[in-house]
Amino acid sequence: MTLKSTRNVIGNKLRIVRGTRKMSKSKFIANRKEKMRRKKGMRVE
């Protein structure tokens, strides 16, 4: 493994982690909004 390839691997891992975090965060926020709407009685189909 050369220095360049290891750096690329680490960068890719970071990118993947960041992507999954963003995805899960947005899903989490969406779920919270859905729950709030249901509490208020507005059904979202």
Protein backbone atom coordinates (compact mmCIF):
# COMPACT_ATOMS: atom_id res chain seq x y z
CA MET A 1 0.00 0.00 0.00
CA THR A 2 1.41 3.35 -1.00
CA LEU A 3 0.74 6.54 0.92
CA LYS A 4 -1.57 7.82 -1.80
CA SER A 5 -3.80 4.73 -1.85
CA THR A 6 -4.15 4.65 1.94
CA ARG A 7 -5.11 8.31 1.92
CA ASN A 8 -7.73 7.61 -0.76
CA VAL A 9 -9.16 4.71 1.24
CA ILE A 10 -9.42 6.85 4.37
CA GLY A 11 -11.02 9.66 2.36
CA ASN A 12 -13.57 7.27 0.86
CA LYS A 13 -14.45 5.90 4.30
CA LEU A 14 -14.93 9.42 5.65
CA ARG A 15 -17.09 10.32 2.67
CA ILE A 16 -19.25 7.23 3.14
CA VAL A 17 -19.64 7.89 6.88
CA ARG A 18 -20.60 11.51 6.24
CA GLY A 19 -23.11 10.45 3.60
CA THR A 20 -24.78 7.89 5.85
CA ARG A 21 -24.89 10.38 8.71
CA LYS A 22 -26.59 12.96 6.51
CA MET A 23 -29.08 10.35 5.27
CA SER A 24 -29.97 9.06 8.74
CA LYS A 25 -30.20 12.60 10.12
CA SER A 26 -32.65 13.70 7.42
CA LYS A 27 -34.68 10.50 7.90
CA PHE A 28 -34.72 11.12 11.66
CA ILE A 29 -35.96 14.70 11.17
CA ALA A 30 -38.61 13.49 8.71
CA ASN A 31 -39.79 10.88 11.22
CA ARG A 32 -40.06 13.52 13.94
CA LYS A 33 -42.10 15.77 11.66
CA GLU A 34 -44.40 12.85 10.80
CA LYS A 35 -44.92 12.06 14.48
CA MET A 36 -45.73 15.71 15.24
CA ARG A 37 -48.28 15.79 12.41
CA ARG A 38 -49.90 12.60 13.67
CA LYS A 39 -50.10 14.01 17.19
CA LYS A 40 -51.87 17.08 15.84
CA GLY A 41 -54.33 14.82 14.02
CA MET A 42 -53.35 15.68 10.45
CA ARG A 43 -52.92 12.39 8.66
CA VAL A 44 -50.24 12.31 5.97
CA GLU A 45 -50.95 9.72 3.31
